Every structure is written in C-alpha cells, then in structure tokens.
Amino acid sequence: MITVGYVNVFVTDLASALEFYERKLGLEPVRVDGEHGYASFDGGPITLGLAVVDGAHAALAGRHTGIGLAVSDLEAEHKRLVELGVEFESPPARQPWGGFMAVVKDPSGNRLYLDEVSAAH
C-alpha cells in the first residue's frame, strides 16, 4: 500500500518561510536544517516540507501549490492573518461546488488554499 508521506513547497528564503509557516500559520516545526535549506512541519497525516531553491531551480518557487490547509473558521483565520500582514490572492469566497475557500501567498509567492472544512466536505 502506498500513502502520501509529505509534500514539499519550494521557497527562496528559509528564514522568511519559517516565519510565515510557523509564526503566522501556526504549523509546528518537526525539523529545521538551515545548512541544507530544508524544514518540515507537522501537517497531520502528511508532513509539509520547505525546500530552498535558487539558480536554475528558482522557477520552482512562486507557484500555485494546489495544497489545501484546513481551517475550522475561515473568516476568523482570514482576519487574523490579514492583521499579521499575510497577503491573500483571493479572499474567502463560496465556491460553485459548495466549498468556502481563500488563497494565501507565502513570502516566496507560493499560493495555498485555506479551506473551511466541515464534516460534509
């Protein structure tokens, strides 16, 4: 049986990424390895990794990741993050398929979904 163990987000600066993912989003760091440009966070059943890229690989950063971060109260999280200076590509909005989502940007320009997850979702 294969399971998803981790996903990586490519970043250009580990210090600013750590500030964003740990202090602003509130994810718990599992490992930080500045020497090798990598950090990982407890994301529940999946680990979220940050990998520094530069040079020829810098184009891997600053993309829409397709990663959804689950929140129980999107309006409250949106307000809290805006007060912390977090940039949103799109504010909370009801989706045609019934979801309630926003798109947030990290310091490297990566975009992630904030998704209000309910029991029916």
Protein backbone atom coordinates (compact mmCIF):
# COMPACT_ATOMS: atom_id res chain seq x y z
CA MET A 1 0.00 0.00 0.00
CA ILE A 2 1.30 3.47 -0.91
CA THR A 3 0.44 6.52 1.17
CA VAL A 4 1.40 10.18 0.80
CA GLY A 5 4.04 10.92 3.43
CA TYR A 6 4.98 14.50 2.62
CA VAL A 7 4.67 17.33 0.14
CA ASN A 8 7.34 19.97 -0.47
CA VAL A 9 6.90 23.65 -1.17
CA PHE A 10 9.87 25.31 -2.84
CA VAL A 11 10.94 28.59 -1.23
CA THR A 12 13.65 31.15 -1.93
CA ASP A 13 14.41 32.14 1.68
CA LEU A 14 14.15 29.70 4.57
CA ALA A 15 14.07 32.30 7.36
CA SER A 16 11.09 34.19 5.93
CA ALA A 17 9.35 30.91 5.10
CA LEU A 18 9.81 29.69 8.68
CA GLU A 19 8.38 32.98 9.97
CA PHE A 20 5.33 32.54 7.74
CA TYR A 21 4.58 28.83 8.21
CA GLU A 22 5.41 28.64 11.93
CA ARG A 23 4.58 32.03 13.41
CA LYS A 24 1.79 33.17 11.11
CA LEU A 25 0.07 29.96 10.01
CA GLY A 26 0.85 28.24 13.31
CA LEU A 27 2.25 24.98 11.95
CA GLU A 28 4.51 23.02 14.32
CA PRO A 29 8.07 22.53 13.04
CA VAL A 30 9.38 18.96 13.08
CA ARG A 31 12.84 19.59 11.62
CA VAL A 32 14.80 22.68 10.59
CA ASP A 33 18.06 22.17 8.70
CA GLY A 34 19.38 25.57 7.64
CA GLU A 35 22.64 24.08 6.36
CA HIS A 36 20.76 22.08 3.73
CA GLY A 37 17.91 24.57 3.20
CA TYR A 38 15.09 22.37 4.44
CA ALA A 39 12.41 22.43 7.11
CA SER A 40 9.39 20.27 7.77
CA PHE A 41 6.16 20.82 9.67
CA ASP A 42 3.60 18.56 11.27
CA GLY A 43 0.66 18.68 8.90
CA GLY A 44 -1.38 15.91 10.47
CA PRO A 45 -1.08 12.68 8.49
CA ILE A 46 1.17 14.42 5.90
CA THR A 47 4.36 16.38 6.56
CA LEU A 48 4.73 19.75 4.85
CA GLY A 49 8.31 20.35 3.75
CA LEU A 50 10.02 23.57 2.70
CA ALA A 51 12.98 23.25 0.34
CA VAL A 52 15.15 26.22 -0.63
CA VAL A 53 15.80 26.59 -4.35
CA ASP A 54 17.95 29.04 -6.25
CA GLY A 55 19.78 29.38 -9.53
CA ALA A 56 18.37 27.16 -12.26
CA HIS A 57 15.72 25.79 -9.88
CA ALA A 58 14.42 29.16 -8.59
CA ALA A 59 11.47 28.96 -11.00
CA LEU A 60 10.05 26.15 -8.83
CA ALA A 61 9.13 28.76 -6.19
CA GLY A 62 6.28 31.23 -6.54
CA ARG A 63 3.65 28.87 -7.92
CA HIS A 64 0.18 27.72 -7.07
CA THR A 65 0.90 24.63 -4.98
CA GLY A 66 -2.55 23.05 -5.02
CA ILE A 67 -2.07 22.40 -1.29
CA GLY A 68 -5.14 22.89 0.87
CA LEU A 69 -4.76 23.89 4.50
CA ALA A 70 -7.85 23.01 6.51
CA VAL A 71 -9.32 25.55 8.93
CA SER A 72 -12.45 25.34 11.04
CA ASP A 73 -13.35 29.06 10.78
CA LEU A 74 -12.09 30.67 7.57
CA GLU A 75 -13.45 34.14 8.36
CA ALA A 76 -11.59 34.22 11.70
CA GLU A 77 -8.37 32.87 10.17
CA HIS A 78 -8.57 35.37 7.32
CA LYS A 79 -8.97 38.26 9.78
CA ARG A 80 -6.11 37.00 11.99
CA LEU A 81 -3.74 36.54 9.06
CA VAL A 82 -4.57 39.90 7.47
CA GLU A 83 -3.75 41.54 10.83
CA LEU A 84 -0.36 39.76 10.68
CA GLY A 85 0.28 41.21 7.22
CA VAL A 86 -0.29 38.00 5.25
CA GLU A 87 -1.12 38.57 1.59
CA PHE A 88 -4.17 36.92 0.07
CA GLU A 89 -4.54 36.33 -3.65
CA SER A 90 -8.25 35.85 -3.13
CA PRO A 91 -10.36 36.47 -0.01
CA PRO A 92 -12.76 33.94 1.46
CA ALA A 93 -15.46 33.06 -1.06
CA ARG A 94 -18.10 30.40 -1.53
CA GLN A 95 -17.22 28.15 -4.43
CA PRO A 96 -19.73 26.95 -7.05
CA TRP A 97 -19.25 23.38 -5.81
CA GLY A 98 -20.12 24.41 -2.23
CA GLY A 99 -16.72 24.93 -0.61
CA PHE A 100 -15.60 28.04 1.29
CA MET A 101 -12.01 28.93 0.41
CA ALA A 102 -9.36 31.64 0.16
CA VAL A 103 -5.92 31.66 -1.45
CA VAL A 104 -2.97 32.85 0.65
CA LYS A 105 0.56 33.71 -0.53
CA ASP A 106 3.76 32.85 1.31
CA PRO A 107 6.86 35.10 1.20
CA SER A 108 8.17 33.27 -1.91
CA GLY A 109 4.89 33.86 -3.75
CA ASN A 110 3.64 30.28 -3.38
CA ARG A 111 -0.13 30.10 -3.24
CA LEU A 112 -2.00 27.74 -0.92
CA TYR A 113 -5.69 27.18 -0.29
CA LEU A 114 -7.22 27.93 3.09
CA ASP A 115 -10.29 25.73 3.11
CA GLU A 116 -13.02 25.72 5.73
CA VAL A 117 -13.51 22.02 6.16
CA SER A 118 -16.79 20.75 7.51
CA ALA A 119 -17.99 17.25 8.27
CA ALA A 120 -19.74 17.17 4.88
CA HIS A 121 -16.58 18.19 3.00
